């Protein structure tokens, strides 16, 4: 019985990449962003998007127009 290859997590400034050590490219990529609602944008919100206090990753990327975006990871280190 062979064991599965190790899982690799690469937490970069722009993207979190996840894959297996035996692969050339990551299997999944997620934006490393956090969005907080801009107060004046409540009237502009899209009816298909559920707005929360904090929105992360892909959902934050699609709603950038109504969010204040921040990047919590800098050079592989999680910042405030």
C-alpha atoms as a PDB file:
ATOM      1  CA  UNK A   1       0.000   0.000   0.000  1.00  0.00           C
ATOM      2  CA  UNK A   2       1.436   3.351  -1.049  1.00  0.00           C
ATOM      3  CA  UNK A   3       0.804   6.499   0.890  1.00  0.00           C
ATOM      4  CA  UNK A   4      -0.640   9.567  -0.871  1.00  0.00           C
ATOM      5  CA  UNK A   5       1.774  12.376  -1.763  1.00  0.00           C
ATOM      6  CA  UNK A   6       2.184  15.195   0.770  1.00  0.00           C
ATOM      7  CA  UNK A   7      -0.167  18.165   0.527  1.00  0.00           C
ATOM      8  CA  UNK A   8       1.486  21.530  -0.133  1.00  0.00           C
ATOM      9  CA  UNK A   9      -0.002  24.867   1.026  1.00  0.00           C
ATOM     10  CA  UNK A  10       1.585  28.018  -0.381  1.00  0.00           C
ATOM     11  CA  UNK A  11       0.273  31.104   1.411  1.00  0.00           C
ATOM     12  CA  UNK A  12       1.398  33.947  -0.807  1.00  0.00           C
ATOM     13  CA  UNK A  13       0.578  37.646  -0.740  1.00  0.00           C
ATOM     14  CA  UNK A  14      -1.977  37.376  -3.565  1.00  0.00           C
ATOM     15  CA  UNK A  15      -3.112  33.742  -3.595  1.00  0.00           C
ATOM     16  CA  UNK A  16      -3.342  30.677  -1.377  1.00  0.00           C
ATOM     17  CA  UNK A  17      -2.307  27.719  -3.532  1.00  0.00           C
ATOM     18  CA  UNK A  18      -3.056  24.111  -2.582  1.00  0.00           C
ATOM     19  CA  UNK A  19      -1.888  20.934  -4.273  1.00  0.00           C
ATOM     20  CA  UNK A  20       0.128  17.745  -3.981  1.00  0.00           C
ATOM     21  CA  UNK A  21       3.918  17.603  -3.887  1.00  0.00           C
ATOM     22  CA  UNK A  22       3.974  15.313  -6.955  1.00  0.00           C
ATOM     23  CA  UNK A  23       2.085  17.849  -9.141  1.00  0.00           C
ATOM     24  CA  UNK A  24       3.671  20.569 -11.269  1.00  0.00           C
ATOM     25  CA  UNK A  25       0.850  23.058 -10.644  1.00  0.00           C
ATOM     26  CA  UNK A  26      -1.485  23.690  -7.691  1.00  0.00           C
ATOM     27  CA  UNK A  27      -4.863  21.958  -7.787  1.00  0.00           C
ATOM     28  CA  UNK A  28      -6.673  24.952  -6.235  1.00  0.00           C
ATOM     29  CA  UNK A  29      -5.986  28.690  -6.020  1.00  0.00           C
ATOM     30  CA  UNK A  30      -7.868  31.135  -3.820  1.00  0.00           C
ATOM     31  CA  UNK A  31      -7.353  34.910  -3.603  1.00  0.00           C
ATOM     32  CA  UNK A  32      -5.739  35.876  -0.278  1.00  0.00           C
ATOM     33  CA  UNK A  33      -8.056  38.824   0.289  1.00  0.00           C
ATOM     34  CA  UNK A  34     -10.511  39.966   2.925  1.00  0.00           C
ATOM     35  CA  UNK A  35     -13.269  42.449   2.195  1.00  0.00           C
ATOM     36  CA  UNK A  36     -15.169  44.626   4.643  1.00  0.00           C
ATOM     37  CA  UNK A  37     -18.370  46.361   3.580  1.00  0.00           C
ATOM     38  CA  UNK A  38     -18.079  50.058   2.727  1.00  0.00           C
ATOM     39  CA  UNK A  39     -20.954  51.668   4.655  1.00  0.00           C
ATOM     40  CA  UNK A  40     -22.164  53.897   1.831  1.00  0.00           C
ATOM     41  CA  UNK A  41     -22.410  50.932  -0.544  1.00  0.00           C
ATOM     42  CA  UNK A  42     -25.341  49.222   1.214  1.00  0.00           C
ATOM     43  CA  UNK A  43     -27.755  50.757  -1.286  1.00  0.00           C
ATOM     44  CA  UNK A  44     -25.652  49.487  -4.233  1.00  0.00           C
ATOM     45  CA  UNK A  45     -25.510  45.840  -3.178  1.00  0.00           C
ATOM     46  CA  UNK A  46     -26.307  43.083  -5.667  1.00  0.00           C
ATOM     47  CA  UNK A  47     -29.386  41.066  -4.689  1.00  0.00           C
ATOM     48  CA  UNK A  48     -27.561  37.782  -5.481  1.00  0.00           C
ATOM     49  CA  UNK A  49     -24.786  38.433  -2.949  1.00  0.00           C
ATOM     50  CA  UNK A  50     -25.300  37.919   0.777  1.00  0.00           C
ATOM     51  CA  UNK A  51     -23.343  40.661   2.525  1.00  0.00           C
ATOM     52  CA  UNK A  52     -21.667  39.834   5.836  1.00  0.00           C
ATOM     53  CA  UNK A  53     -19.322  41.885   8.038  1.00  0.00           C
ATOM     54  CA  UNK A  54     -16.274  40.168   6.536  1.00  0.00           C
ATOM     55  CA  UNK A  55     -16.107  38.396   3.174  1.00  0.00           C
ATOM     56  CA  UNK A  56     -13.107  36.262   2.157  1.00  0.00           C
ATOM     57  CA  UNK A  57     -11.446  34.878  -0.962  1.00  0.00           C
ATOM     58  CA  UNK A  58     -13.489  34.380  -4.169  1.00  0.00           C
ATOM     59  CA  UNK A  59     -16.631  36.043  -2.807  1.00  0.00           C
ATOM     60  CA  UNK A  60     -14.631  39.129  -1.830  1.00  0.00           C
ATOM     61  CA  UNK A  61     -13.009  39.207  -5.269  1.00  0.00           C
ATOM     62  CA  UNK A  62     -16.402  39.271  -7.014  1.00  0.00           C
ATOM     63  CA  UNK A  63     -17.731  42.097  -4.801  1.00  0.00           C
ATOM     64  CA  UNK A  64     -14.686  44.405  -4.786  1.00  0.00           C
ATOM     65  CA  UNK A  65     -16.757  47.425  -5.844  1.00  0.00           C
ATOM     66  CA  UNK A  66     -18.629  47.517  -2.522  1.00  0.00           C
ATOM     67  CA  UNK A  67     -15.843  46.295  -0.231  1.00  0.00           C
ATOM     68  CA  UNK A  68     -12.716  47.697   1.339  1.00  0.00           C
ATOM     69  CA  UNK A  69     -10.157  45.054   0.333  1.00  0.00           C
ATOM     70  CA  UNK A  70      -7.129  44.086   2.409  1.00  0.00           C
ATOM     71  CA  UNK A  71      -4.398  41.496   1.944  1.00  0.00           C
ATOM     72  CA  UNK A  72      -3.717  39.790   5.302  1.00  0.00           C
ATOM     73  CA  UNK A  73      -0.646  37.844   4.127  1.00  0.00           C
ATOM     74  CA  UNK A  74       2.617  39.639   3.293  1.00  0.00           C
ATOM     75  CA  UNK A  75       5.664  37.624   2.216  1.00  0.00           C
ATOM     76  CA  UNK A  76       4.176  34.479   3.738  1.00  0.00           C
ATOM     77  CA  UNK A  77       3.470  36.116   7.116  1.00  0.00           C
ATOM     78  CA  UNK A  78      -0.081  36.700   8.351  1.00  0.00           C
ATOM     79  CA  UNK A  79      -0.521  40.360   9.327  1.00  0.00           C
ATOM     80  CA  UNK A  80      -3.392  42.115  11.114  1.00  0.00           C
END
